[in-house]
């Protein structure tokens, strides 16, 4: 059956052709004969009771010099779409939240929004992981600098990070007797006005920060270990790390089994778990990446598996 699939994303001309996950999903949908509609977050609007968007019919190509064509903009009803992918990258700010409110109107009228709007708002990517304490390293969430300093004194080697960062940005490692702890905390907490996370440093980062993709609560059997540069404590590819595709370990599978049922219950159809060594550090729900790298290194069709799941949901063959 031909489907209408919309995608809300950053400007398509700015994506990285070689690694963009959204592009892979769009290719897979087009290969199935689905109609594609492209829109940026600022194109969403509400006309009375009708959730709408200024959208453009989209054609995608497997050509690094010409990967898309767009038709003229037109007003469409979001409720006429079968599926709409919310693939806007952070920052997760008020405009992001407003976009989820508008998409939620279409969700109430039967459009499948991926991921579910309510869960996008509720599941902060750093804090959500703490709902599974048996999977997480020792941590503290606070904006109280005295508590954060005490955590550092107790554990001596600590990672401090904002709750709304992405790509490894603004992540600081503070070792024992680090003279910069105060200024790091002043900067990250904005002198006590912004809540941050402190985690015990995990030496296993030298073996890679593993990205595990979850489709409808089930793990893809291969992950991408993002290995940091020498002297770095961040494995993110955006921070210069290198990627290595590898099978999931028994511990990885156990972590996925703990998290998976909650993802399924909350309508988080496509999610990226970040695991360092034996510990879950983040749950990426807004715009998880690394699909292209894992597909290339494993031979799996993850984009196709995701679309199969969404199609089964639309036809009522999957209970979520």
C-alpha atoms as a PDB file:
ATOM      1  CA  UNK A   1       0.000   0.000   0.000  1.00  0.00           C
ATOM      2  CA  UNK A   2       1.279   3.463  -0.875  1.00  0.00           C
ATOM      3  CA  UNK A   3       1.670   5.689   2.164  1.00  0.00           C
ATOM      4  CA  UNK A   4       2.087   9.414   2.687  1.00  0.00           C
ATOM      5  CA  UNK A   5       5.117  10.085   4.836  1.00  0.00           C
ATOM      6  CA  UNK A   6       6.009  13.538   6.103  1.00  0.00           C
ATOM      7  CA  UNK A   7       9.287  14.542   7.666  1.00  0.00           C
ATOM      8  CA  UNK A   8       9.965  17.515   9.921  1.00  0.00           C
ATOM      9  CA  UNK A   9      13.692  18.182   9.841  1.00  0.00           C
ATOM     10  CA  UNK A  10      16.395  20.795   9.585  1.00  0.00           C
ATOM     11  CA  UNK A  11      17.094  22.175   6.128  1.00  0.00           C
ATOM     12  CA  UNK A  12      17.747  19.171   3.919  1.00  0.00           C
ATOM     13  CA  UNK A  13      20.509  20.944   1.986  1.00  0.00           C
ATOM     14  CA  UNK A  14      22.568  21.151   5.212  1.00  0.00           C
ATOM     15  CA  UNK A  15      22.621  17.441   6.082  1.00  0.00           C
ATOM     16  CA  UNK A  16      25.738  15.272   5.793  1.00  0.00           C
ATOM     17  CA  UNK A  17      24.998  13.089   2.800  1.00  0.00           C
ATOM     18  CA  UNK A  18      27.416  10.292   3.762  1.00  0.00           C
ATOM     19  CA  UNK A  19      25.956   9.650   7.206  1.00  0.00           C
ATOM     20  CA  UNK A  20      22.512  11.178   7.579  1.00  0.00           C
ATOM     21  CA  UNK A  21      20.025   8.755   9.148  1.00  0.00           C
ATOM     22  CA  UNK A  22      16.905  10.618   8.033  1.00  0.00           C
ATOM     23  CA  UNK A  23      18.009  10.406   4.405  1.00  0.00           C
ATOM     24  CA  UNK A  24      18.352   6.619   4.688  1.00  0.00           C
ATOM     25  CA  UNK A  25      14.799   6.315   6.011  1.00  0.00           C
ATOM     26  CA  UNK A  26      13.514   8.541   3.199  1.00  0.00           C
ATOM     27  CA  UNK A  27      15.317   6.405   0.599  1.00  0.00           C
ATOM     28  CA  UNK A  28      13.725   3.270   2.064  1.00  0.00           C
ATOM     29  CA  UNK A  29      10.264   4.841   2.052  1.00  0.00           C
ATOM     30  CA  UNK A  30      10.606   6.064  -1.529  1.00  0.00           C
ATOM     31  CA  UNK A  31      11.799   2.605  -2.609  1.00  0.00           C
ATOM     32  CA  UNK A  32       8.464   1.293  -1.330  1.00  0.00           C
ATOM     33  CA  UNK A  33       6.549   3.745  -3.475  1.00  0.00           C
ATOM     34  CA  UNK A  34       5.595   6.000  -0.586  1.00  0.00           C
ATOM     35  CA  UNK A  35       4.974   9.709  -1.213  1.00  0.00           C
ATOM     36  CA  UNK A  36       7.321  12.021   0.693  1.00  0.00           C
ATOM     37  CA  UNK A  37       6.539  15.471   2.090  1.00  0.00           C
ATOM     38  CA  UNK A  38       9.236  17.725   3.530  1.00  0.00           C
ATOM     39  CA  UNK A  39       8.752  20.502   6.059  1.00  0.00           C
ATOM     40  CA  UNK A  40      10.873  22.486   8.499  1.00  0.00           C
ATOM     41  CA  UNK A  41       9.571  23.198  12.018  1.00  0.00           C
ATOM     42  CA  UNK A  42       8.715  26.801  11.167  1.00  0.00           C
ATOM     43  CA  UNK A  43       6.366  25.515   8.444  1.00  0.00           C
ATOM     44  CA  UNK A  44       3.962  23.983  10.964  1.00  0.00           C
ATOM     45  CA  UNK A  45       0.838  25.947  11.824  1.00  0.00           C
ATOM     46  CA  UNK A  46      -2.662  25.617  13.221  1.00  0.00           C
ATOM     47  CA  UNK A  47      -5.592  26.915  11.155  1.00  0.00           C
ATOM     48  CA  UNK A  48      -8.461  26.988  13.610  1.00  0.00           C
ATOM     49  CA  UNK A  49      -8.681  23.349  14.619  1.00  0.00           C
ATOM     50  CA  UNK A  50      -6.706  22.010  11.678  1.00  0.00           C
ATOM     51  CA  UNK A  51      -3.007  21.104  12.114  1.00  0.00           C
ATOM     52  CA  UNK A  52      -1.323  22.197   8.903  1.00  0.00           C
ATOM     53  CA  UNK A  53       2.086  22.669   7.319  1.00  0.00           C
ATOM     54  CA  UNK A  54       3.639  24.444   4.385  1.00  0.00           C
ATOM     55  CA  UNK A  55       5.121  21.309   2.823  1.00  0.00           C
ATOM     56  CA  UNK A  56       6.959  20.364  -0.330  1.00  0.00           C
ATOM     57  CA  UNK A  57       6.723  17.112  -2.198  1.00  0.00           C
ATOM     58  CA  UNK A  58      10.154  15.498  -1.920  1.00  0.00           C
ATOM     59  CA  UNK A  59      12.177  13.170  -4.125  1.00  0.00           C
ATOM     60  CA  UNK A  60      15.462  11.794  -2.770  1.00  0.00           C
ATOM     61  CA  UNK A  61      18.436  10.434  -4.698  1.00  0.00           C
ATOM     62  CA  UNK A  62      21.481   8.326  -3.922  1.00  0.00           C
ATOM     63  CA  UNK A  63      23.784  10.957  -5.355  1.00  0.00           C
ATOM     64  CA  UNK A  64      26.247  12.889  -3.141  1.00  0.00           C
ATOM     65  CA  UNK A  65      26.061  15.879  -5.481  1.00  0.00           C
ATOM     66  CA  UNK A  66      22.272  15.936  -5.844  1.00  0.00           C
ATOM     67  CA  UNK A  67      20.411  14.098  -3.109  1.00  0.00           C
ATOM     68  CA  UNK A  68      17.004  15.774  -3.259  1.00  0.00           C
ATOM     69  CA  UNK A  69      14.451  17.623  -5.361  1.00  0.00           C
ATOM     70  CA  UNK A  70      11.598  19.675  -3.942  1.00  0.00           C
ATOM     71  CA  UNK A  71       8.363  20.803  -5.565  1.00  0.00           C
ATOM     72  CA  UNK A  72       6.671  24.121  -4.907  1.00  0.00           C
ATOM     73  CA  UNK A  73       5.431  24.692  -1.325  1.00  0.00           C
ATOM     74  CA  UNK A  74       1.783  23.964  -0.624  1.00  0.00           C
ATOM     75  CA  UNK A  75      -0.435  23.984   2.438  1.00  0.00           C
ATOM     76  CA  UNK A  76      -1.303  20.445   3.525  1.00  0.00           C
ATOM     77  CA  UNK A  77      -3.273  18.982   6.384  1.00  0.00           C
ATOM     78  CA  UNK A  78      -0.994  17.000   8.686  1.00  0.00           C
ATOM     79  CA  UNK A  79      -3.927  14.697   9.386  1.00  0.00           C
ATOM     80  CA  UNK A  80      -3.769  13.514   5.766  1.00  0.00           C
ATOM     81  CA  UNK A  81      -0.330  11.991   6.349  1.00  0.00           C
ATOM     82  CA  UNK A  82      -0.087   8.353   7.389  1.00  0.00           C
ATOM     83  CA  UNK A  83       3.239   8.887   9.172  1.00  0.00           C
ATOM     84  CA  UNK A  84       5.213  11.956  10.155  1.00  0.00           C
ATOM     85  CA  UNK A  85       8.827  11.671  11.286  1.00  0.00           C
ATOM     86  CA  UNK A  86       9.908  14.302  13.805  1.00  0.00           C
ATOM     87  CA  UNK A  87      13.626  14.492  12.982  1.00  0.00           C
ATOM     88  CA  UNK A  88      14.496  18.016  14.082  1.00  0.00           C
ATOM     89  CA  UNK A  89      17.868  18.089  15.812  1.00  0.00           C
ATOM     90  CA  UNK A  90      18.183  19.709  19.241  1.00  0.00           C
ATOM     91  CA  UNK A  91      18.281  22.265  20.799  1.00  0.00           C
ATOM     92  CA  UNK A  92      15.208  21.108  22.626  1.00  0.00           C
ATOM     93  CA  UNK A  93      13.841  24.586  23.237  1.00  0.00           C
ATOM     94  CA  UNK A  94      10.358  26.099  23.442  1.00  0.00           C
ATOM     95  CA  UNK A  95      10.042  26.177  19.645  1.00  0.00           C
ATOM     96  CA  UNK A  96      10.698  22.425  19.611  1.00  0.00           C
ATOM     97  CA  UNK A  97       7.975  21.967  22.223  1.00  0.00           C
ATOM     98  CA  UNK A  98       5.526  24.127  20.261  1.00  0.00           C
ATOM     99  CA  UNK A  99       6.211  21.941  17.212  1.00  0.00           C
ATOM    100  CA  UNK A 100       5.291  18.840  19.222  1.00  0.00           C
ATOM    101  CA  UNK A 101       2.029  20.487  20.292  1.00  0.00           C
ATOM    102  CA  UNK A 102       1.116  21.070  16.655  1.00  0.00           C
ATOM    103  CA  UNK A 103       2.126  17.564  15.625  1.00  0.00           C
ATOM    104  CA  UNK A 104       0.159  16.145  18.521  1.00  0.00           C
ATOM    105  CA  UNK A 105      -3.028  17.617  17.007  1.00  0.00           C
ATOM    106  CA  UNK A 106      -2.382  15.460  13.925  1.00  0.00           C
ATOM    107  CA  UNK A 107      -1.537  12.513  16.163  1.00  0.00           C
ATOM    108  CA  UNK A 108      -4.994  12.779  17.746  1.00  0.00           C
ATOM    109  CA  UNK A 109      -6.517  12.628  14.263  1.00  0.00           C
ATOM    110  CA  UNK A 110      -4.744   9.395  13.372  1.00  0.00           C
ATOM    111  CA  UNK A 111      -1.348  10.382  11.957  1.00  0.00           C
ATOM    112  CA  UNK A 112       1.461   8.251  13.372  1.00  0.00           C
ATOM    113  CA  UNK A 113       4.087  10.652  14.746  1.00  0.00           C
ATOM    114  CA  UNK A 114       7.535   9.131  15.182  1.00  0.00           C
ATOM    115  CA  UNK A 115       8.436   9.509  17.989  1.00  0.00           C
ATOM    116  CA  UNK A 116       5.269  10.168  20.015  1.00  0.00           C
ATOM    117  CA  UNK A 117       5.003  13.847  20.905  1.00  0.00           C
ATOM    118  CA  UNK A 118       4.138  13.414  24.575  1.00  0.00           C
ATOM    119  CA  UNK A 119       7.153  11.169  25.059  1.00  0.00           C
ATOM    120  CA  UNK A 120       9.466  13.571  23.230  1.00  0.00           C
ATOM    121  CA  UNK A 121       8.501  16.203  25.781  1.00  0.00           C
ATOM    122  CA  UNK A 122       8.683  13.914  28.811  1.00  0.00           C
ATOM    123  CA  UNK A 123      11.857  11.970  28.081  1.00  0.00           C
ATOM    124  CA  UNK A 124      14.847  14.248  28.454  1.00  0.00           C
ATOM    125  CA  UNK A 125      17.722  12.329  26.908  1.00  0.00           C
ATOM    126  CA  UNK A 126      19.950  12.554  29.982  1.00  0.00           C
ATOM    127  CA  UNK A 127      17.300  12.279  32.715  1.00  0.00           C
ATOM    128  CA  UNK A 128      15.295   9.513  31.010  1.00  0.00           C
ATOM    129  CA  UNK A 129      18.198   7.129  31.485  1.00  0.00           C
ATOM    130  CA  UNK A 130      17.982   7.593  35.258  1.00  0.00           C
ATOM    131  CA  UNK A 131      14.612   5.801  35.226  1.00  0.00           C
ATOM    132  CA  UNK A 132      16.723   2.643  34.910  1.00  0.00           C
ATOM    133  CA  UNK A 133      19.109   3.056  37.877  1.00  0.00           C
ATOM    134  CA  UNK A 134      20.286  -0.544  37.699  1.00  0.00           C
ATOM    135  CA  UNK A 135      21.727   0.272  34.269  1.00  0.00           C
ATOM    136  CA  UNK A 136      23.344   3.638  35.074  1.00  0.00           C
ATOM    137  CA  UNK A 137      26.660   4.737  36.582  1.00  0.00           C
ATOM    138  CA  UNK A 138      26.750   6.656  39.869  1.00  0.00           C
ATOM    139  CA  UNK A 139      25.394  10.132  39.141  1.00  0.00           C
ATOM    140  CA  UNK A 140      23.948  13.339  40.503  1.00  0.00           C
ATOM    141  CA  UNK A 141      21.528  15.803  38.902  1.00  0.00           C
ATOM    142  CA  UNK A 142      21.537  19.256  40.479  1.00  0.00           C
ATOM    143  CA  UNK A 143      22.239  22.944  39.980  1.00  0.00           C
ATOM    144  CA  UNK A 144      23.579  23.318  43.524  1.00  0.00           C
ATOM    145  CA  UNK A 145      27.307  23.863  43.109  1.00  0.00           C
ATOM    146  CA  UNK A 146      28.080  22.764  46.672  1.00  0.00           C
ATOM    147  CA  UNK A 147      26.431  19.385  46.031  1.00  0.00           C
ATOM    148  CA  UNK A 148      28.171  19.027  42.673  1.00  0.00           C
ATOM    149  CA  UNK A 149      31.543  19.858  44.245  1.00  0.00           C
ATOM    150  CA  UNK A 150      30.900  17.332  47.011  1.00  0.00           C
ATOM    151  CA  UNK A 151      30.128  14.681  44.381  1.00  0.00           C
ATOM    152  CA  UNK A 152      33.447  15.486  42.711  1.00  0.00           C
ATOM    153  CA  UNK A 153      35.363  15.309  45.999  1.00  0.00           C
ATOM    154  CA  UNK A 154      33.807  11.930  46.759  1.00  0.00           C
ATOM    155  CA  UNK A 155      34.344  10.325  43.351  1.00  0.00           C
ATOM    156  CA  UNK A 156      37.423  12.323  42.228  1.00  0.00           C
ATOM    157  CA  UNK A 157      37.095  11.652  38.503  1.00  0.00           C
ATOM    158  CA  UNK A 158      33.811  13.019  37.190  1.00  0.00           C
ATOM    159  CA  UNK A 159      32.047  14.015  33.968  1.00  0.00           C
ATOM    160  CA  UNK A 160      29.906  17.173  34.102  1.00  0.00           C
ATOM    161  CA  UNK A 161      27.429  17.809  31.276  1.00  0.00           C
ATOM    162  CA  UNK A 162      24.342  19.882  30.483  1.00  0.00           C
ATOM    163  CA  UNK A 163      20.954  18.191  30.252  1.00  0.00           C
ATOM    164  CA  UNK A 164      20.219  19.611  26.791  1.00  0.00           C
ATOM    165  CA  UNK A 165      23.495  19.070  24.920  1.00  0.00           C
ATOM    166  CA  UNK A 166      24.147  16.921  21.871  1.00  0.00           C
ATOM    167  CA  UNK A 167      27.141  15.663  19.914  1.00  0.00           C
ATOM    168  CA  UNK A 168      29.426  15.775  22.932  1.00  0.00           C
ATOM    169  CA  UNK A 169      29.186  19.544  23.294  1.00  0.00           C
ATOM    170  CA  UNK A 170      29.953  21.182  26.670  1.00  0.00           C
ATOM    171  CA  UNK A 171      31.017  17.908  28.319  1.00  0.00           C
ATOM    172  CA  UNK A 172      33.799  18.369  30.870  1.00  0.00           C
ATOM    173  CA  UNK A 173      35.947  15.826  32.690  1.00  0.00           C
ATOM    174  CA  UNK A 174      37.247  16.900  36.104  1.00  0.00           C
ATOM    175  CA  UNK A 175      39.942  14.729  37.672  1.00  0.00           C
ATOM    176  CA  UNK A 176      41.058  14.733  41.292  1.00  0.00           C
ATOM    177  CA  UNK A 177      42.423  18.138  42.375  1.00  0.00           C
ATOM    178  CA  UNK A 178      41.339  19.719  39.076  1.00  0.00           C
ATOM    179  CA  UNK A 179      41.757  23.484  39.624  1.00  0.00           C
ATOM    180  CA  UNK A 180      38.967  24.290  37.155  1.00  0.00           C
ATOM    181  CA  UNK A 181      36.048  22.575  38.927  1.00  0.00           C
ATOM    182  CA  UNK A 182      34.560  25.841  40.173  1.00  0.00           C
ATOM    183  CA  UNK A 183      34.687  27.585  36.808  1.00  0.00           C
ATOM    184  CA  UNK A 184      33.331  24.481  35.026  1.00  0.00           C
ATOM    185  CA  UNK A 185      30.357  24.399  37.372  1.00  0.00           C
ATOM    186  CA  UNK A 186      29.812  28.146  37.225  1.00  0.00           C
ATOM    187  CA  UNK A 187      29.741  27.927  33.435  1.00  0.00           C
ATOM    188  CA  UNK A 188      27.520  24.847  33.095  1.00  0.00           C
ATOM    189  CA  UNK A 189      25.051  25.812  35.837  1.00  0.00           C
ATOM    190  CA  UNK A 190      25.118  29.499  34.896  1.00  0.00           C
ATOM    191  CA  UNK A 191      26.106  30.203  38.496  1.00  0.00           C
ATOM    192  CA  UNK A 192      23.416  27.950  39.922  1.00  0.00           C
ATOM    193  CA  UNK A 193      20.560  28.807  37.560  1.00  0.00           C
ATOM    194  CA  UNK A 194      20.702  25.712  35.321  1.00  0.00           C
ATOM    195  CA  UNK A 195      20.475  22.034  36.301  1.00  0.00           C
ATOM    196  CA  UNK A 196      23.226  19.715  35.042  1.00  0.00           C
ATOM    197  CA  UNK A 197      24.343  16.094  35.446  1.00  0.00           C
ATOM    198  CA  UNK A 198      27.462  14.715  37.086  1.00  0.00           C
ATOM    199  CA  UNK A 199      28.523  11.128  36.372  1.00  0.00           C
ATOM    200  CA  UNK A 200      31.445   9.085  37.595  1.00  0.00           C
ATOM    201  CA  UNK A 201      34.031   8.875  34.827  1.00  0.00           C
ATOM    202  CA  UNK A 202      33.972   5.495  33.093  1.00  0.00           C
ATOM    203  CA  UNK A 203      37.453   4.356  31.951  1.00  0.00           C
ATOM    204  CA  UNK A 204      35.754   2.013  29.452  1.00  0.00           C
ATOM    205  CA  UNK A 205      35.217   5.088  27.241  1.00  0.00           C
ATOM    206  CA  UNK A 206      38.608   4.194  25.755  1.00  0.00           C
ATOM    207  CA  UNK A 207      36.868   1.173  24.182  1.00  0.00           C
ATOM    208  CA  UNK A 208      34.109   3.353  22.755  1.00  0.00           C
ATOM    209  CA  UNK A 209      30.801   5.014  23.556  1.00  0.00           C
ATOM    210  CA  UNK A 210      28.397   2.471  22.078  1.00  0.00           C
ATOM    211  CA  UNK A 211      25.306   3.589  20.152  1.00  0.00           C
ATOM    212  CA  UNK A 212      22.645   0.883  20.286  1.00  0.00           C
ATOM    213  CA  UNK A 213      19.625   1.449  18.045  1.00  0.00           C
ATOM    214  CA  UNK A 214      16.198   0.303  19.248  1.00  0.00           C
ATOM    215  CA  UNK A 215      13.257  -0.251  16.895  1.00  0.00           C
ATOM    216  CA  UNK A 216       9.900  -0.635  18.652  1.00  0.00           C
ATOM    217  CA  UNK A 217      11.679  -1.560  21.873  1.00  0.00           C
ATOM    218  CA  UNK A 218      13.908  -4.221  20.311  1.00  0.00           C
ATOM    219  CA  UNK A 219      17.677  -3.819  19.867  1.00  0.00           C
ATOM    220  CA  UNK A 220      19.433  -3.959  16.535  1.00  0.00           C
ATOM    221  CA  UNK A 221      22.027  -6.745  17.096  1.00  0.00           C
ATOM    222  CA  UNK A 222      24.995  -4.569  16.088  1.00  0.00           C
ATOM    223  CA  UNK A 223      26.059  -1.255  17.584  1.00  0.00           C
ATOM    224  CA  UNK A 224      28.510   1.501  16.703  1.00  0.00           C
ATOM    225  CA  UNK A 225      31.355   1.927  19.211  1.00  0.00           C
ATOM    226  CA  UNK A 226      32.499   5.544  18.921  1.00  0.00           C
ATOM    227  CA  UNK A 227      36.110   5.522  20.050  1.00  0.00           C
ATOM    228  CA  UNK A 228      37.525   8.862  21.251  1.00  0.00           C
ATOM    229  CA  UNK A 229      40.662  10.483  19.984  1.00  0.00           C
ATOM    230  CA  UNK A 230      43.759  10.027  22.138  1.00  0.00           C
ATOM    231  CA  UNK A 231      43.455  12.315  25.158  1.00  0.00           C
ATOM    232  CA  UNK A 232      39.723  12.855  24.635  1.00  0.00           C
ATOM    233  CA  UNK A 233      36.950  11.722  26.991  1.00  0.00           C
ATOM    234  CA  UNK A 234      34.179  12.045  24.373  1.00  0.00           C
ATOM    235  CA  UNK A 235      33.529   9.344  21.824  1.00  0.00           C
ATOM    236  CA  UNK A 236      30.947  11.281  19.803  1.00  0.00           C
ATOM    237  CA  UNK A 237      31.695  11.325  16.090  1.00  0.00           C
ATOM    238  CA  UNK A 238      30.931  15.050  16.130  1.00  0.00           C
ATOM    239  CA  UNK A 239      33.777  15.423  18.643  1.00  0.00           C
ATOM    240  CA  UNK A 240      36.282  13.603  16.424  1.00  0.00           C
ATOM    241  CA  UNK A 241      35.700  10.010  17.519  1.00  0.00           C
ATOM    242  CA  UNK A 242      36.013   7.096  15.113  1.00  0.00           C
ATOM    243  CA  UNK A 243      33.369   4.415  14.634  1.00  0.00           C
ATOM    244  CA  UNK A 244      33.618   0.632  14.891  1.00  0.00           C
ATOM    245  CA  UNK A 245      30.613  -1.630  14.239  1.00  0.00           C
ATOM    246  CA  UNK A 246      30.420  -4.595  16.605  1.00  0.00           C
ATOM    247  CA  UNK A 247      27.891  -7.133  17.924  1.00  0.00           C
ATOM    248  CA  UNK A 248      26.034  -6.341  21.126  1.00  0.00           C
ATOM    249  CA  UNK A 249      27.512  -7.870  24.263  1.00  0.00           C
ATOM    250  CA  UNK A 250      25.449  -9.810  26.807  1.00  0.00           C
ATOM    251  CA  UNK A 251      25.412  -6.715  29.021  1.00  0.00           C
ATOM    252  CA  UNK A 252      24.284  -4.544  26.094  1.00  0.00           C
ATOM    253  CA  UNK A 253      21.417  -6.942  25.436  1.00  0.00           C
ATOM    254  CA  UNK A 254      20.476  -6.935  29.118  1.00  0.00           C
ATOM    255  CA  UNK A 255      20.363  -3.131  29.221  1.00  0.00           C
ATOM    256  CA  UNK A 256      18.211  -3.140  26.069  1.00  0.00           C
ATOM    257  CA  UNK A 257      15.857  -5.649  27.695  1.00  0.00           C
ATOM    258  CA  UNK A 258      15.429  -3.371  30.720  1.00  0.00           C
ATOM    259  CA  UNK A 259      14.702  -0.275  28.658  1.00  0.00           C
ATOM    260  CA  UNK A 260      12.830  -1.778  25.698  1.00  0.00           C
ATOM    261  CA  UNK A 261       9.374  -2.354  27.235  1.00  0.00           C
ATOM    262  CA  UNK A 262       9.205   1.263  28.435  1.00  0.00           C
ATOM    263  CA  UNK A 263      10.175   2.551  24.981  1.00  0.00           C
ATOM    264  CA  UNK A 264       7.441   0.466  23.404  1.00  0.00           C
ATOM    265  CA  UNK A 265       4.863   1.579  25.957  1.00  0.00           C
ATOM    266  CA  UNK A 266       5.697   5.252  25.379  1.00  0.00           C
ATOM    267  CA  UNK A 267       5.562   5.149  21.600  1.00  0.00           C
ATOM    268  CA  UNK A 268       9.302   5.692  21.200  1.00  0.00           C
ATOM    269  CA  UNK A 269       9.622   3.705  17.993  1.00  0.00           C
ATOM    270  CA  UNK A 270      13.183   4.682  17.073  1.00  0.00           C
ATOM    271  CA  UNK A 271      15.691   5.353  19.848  1.00  0.00           C
ATOM    272  CA  UNK A 272      19.442   5.361  20.386  1.00  0.00           C
ATOM    273  CA  UNK A 273      20.908   4.065  23.658  1.00  0.00           C
ATOM    274  CA  UNK A 274      24.367   5.285  24.629  1.00  0.00           C
ATOM    275  CA  UNK A 275      26.355   2.721  26.613  1.00  0.00           C
ATOM    276  CA  UNK A 276      29.886   3.043  27.973  1.00  0.00           C
ATOM    277  CA  UNK A 277      31.300  -0.252  29.175  1.00  0.00           C
ATOM    278  CA  UNK A 278      28.519  -1.797  31.247  1.00  0.00           C
ATOM    279  CA  UNK A 279      26.538   1.388  31.847  1.00  0.00           C
ATOM    280  CA  UNK A 280      23.694   3.245  30.158  1.00  0.00           C
ATOM    281  CA  UNK A 281      24.532   6.963  29.969  1.00  0.00           C
ATOM    282  CA  UNK A 282      21.827   8.457  27.702  1.00  0.00           C
ATOM    283  CA  UNK A 283      18.659   7.567  25.806  1.00  0.00           C
ATOM    284  CA  UNK A 284      18.391   9.552  22.572  1.00  0.00           C
ATOM    285  CA  UNK A 285      14.777  10.041  21.525  1.00  0.00           C
ATOM    286  CA  UNK A 286      14.731  13.243  19.455  1.00  0.00           C
ATOM    287  CA  UNK A 287      16.810  12.437  16.390  1.00  0.00           C
ATOM    288  CA  UNK A 288      18.940   9.299  16.919  1.00  0.00           C
ATOM    289  CA  UNK A 289      21.739   8.766  14.428  1.00  0.00           C
ATOM    290  CA  UNK A 290      24.386   6.187  13.420  1.00  0.00           C
ATOM    291  CA  UNK A 291      21.961   4.083  11.351  1.00  0.00           C
ATOM    292  CA  UNK A 292      24.046   4.485   8.187  1.00  0.00           C
ATOM    293  CA  UNK A 293      27.283   3.421   9.873  1.00  0.00           C
ATOM    294  CA  UNK A 294      25.702   0.355  11.480  1.00  0.00           C
ATOM    295  CA  UNK A 295      24.000  -0.671   8.233  1.00  0.00           C
ATOM    296  CA  UNK A 296      27.279  -0.347   6.325  1.00  0.00           C
ATOM    297  CA  UNK A 297      29.216  -2.418   8.867  1.00  0.00           C
ATOM    298  CA  UNK A 298      26.612  -5.126   9.452  1.00  0.00           C
ATOM    299  CA  UNK A 299      24.706  -5.503   6.188  1.00  0.00           C
ATOM    300  CA  UNK A 300      21.406  -4.970   8.030  1.00  0.00           C
ATOM    301  CA  UNK A 301      18.481  -2.985   6.613  1.00  0.00           C
ATOM    302  CA  UNK A 302      17.594  -0.993   9.716  1.00  0.00           C
ATOM    303  CA  UNK A 303      15.647   1.673   7.837  1.00  0.00           C
ATOM    304  CA  UNK A 304      13.537  -1.047   6.236  1.00  0.00           C
ATOM    305  CA  UNK A 305      12.964  -2.706   9.605  1.00  0.00           C
ATOM    306  CA  UNK A 306      11.761   0.598  11.034  1.00  0.00           C
ATOM    307  CA  UNK A 307       9.341   1.128   8.151  1.00  0.00           C
ATOM    308  CA  UNK A 308       8.076  -2.449   8.475  1.00  0.00           C
ATOM    309  CA  UNK A 309       7.274  -1.772  12.121  1.00  0.00           C
ATOM    310  CA  UNK A 310       5.483   1.482  11.339  1.00  0.00           C
ATOM    311  CA  UNK A 311       3.492  -0.179   8.556  1.00  0.00           C
ATOM    312  CA  UNK A 312       2.485  -2.996  10.903  1.00  0.00           C
ATOM    313  CA  UNK A 313       1.340  -0.446  13.447  1.00  0.00           C
ATOM    314  CA  UNK A 314      -0.796   1.335  10.848  1.00  0.00           C
ATOM    315  CA  UNK A 315      -2.449  -1.932   9.858  1.00  0.00           C
ATOM    316  CA  UNK A 316      -3.024  -2.923  13.478  1.00  0.00           C
ATOM    317  CA  UNK A 317      -0.643  -5.879  13.415  1.00  0.00           C
ATOM    318  CA  UNK A 318       1.550  -4.532  16.218  1.00  0.00           C
ATOM    319  CA  UNK A 319       0.385  -3.845  19.742  1.00  0.00           C
ATOM    320  CA  UNK A 320       2.308  -0.947  21.259  1.00  0.00           C
END
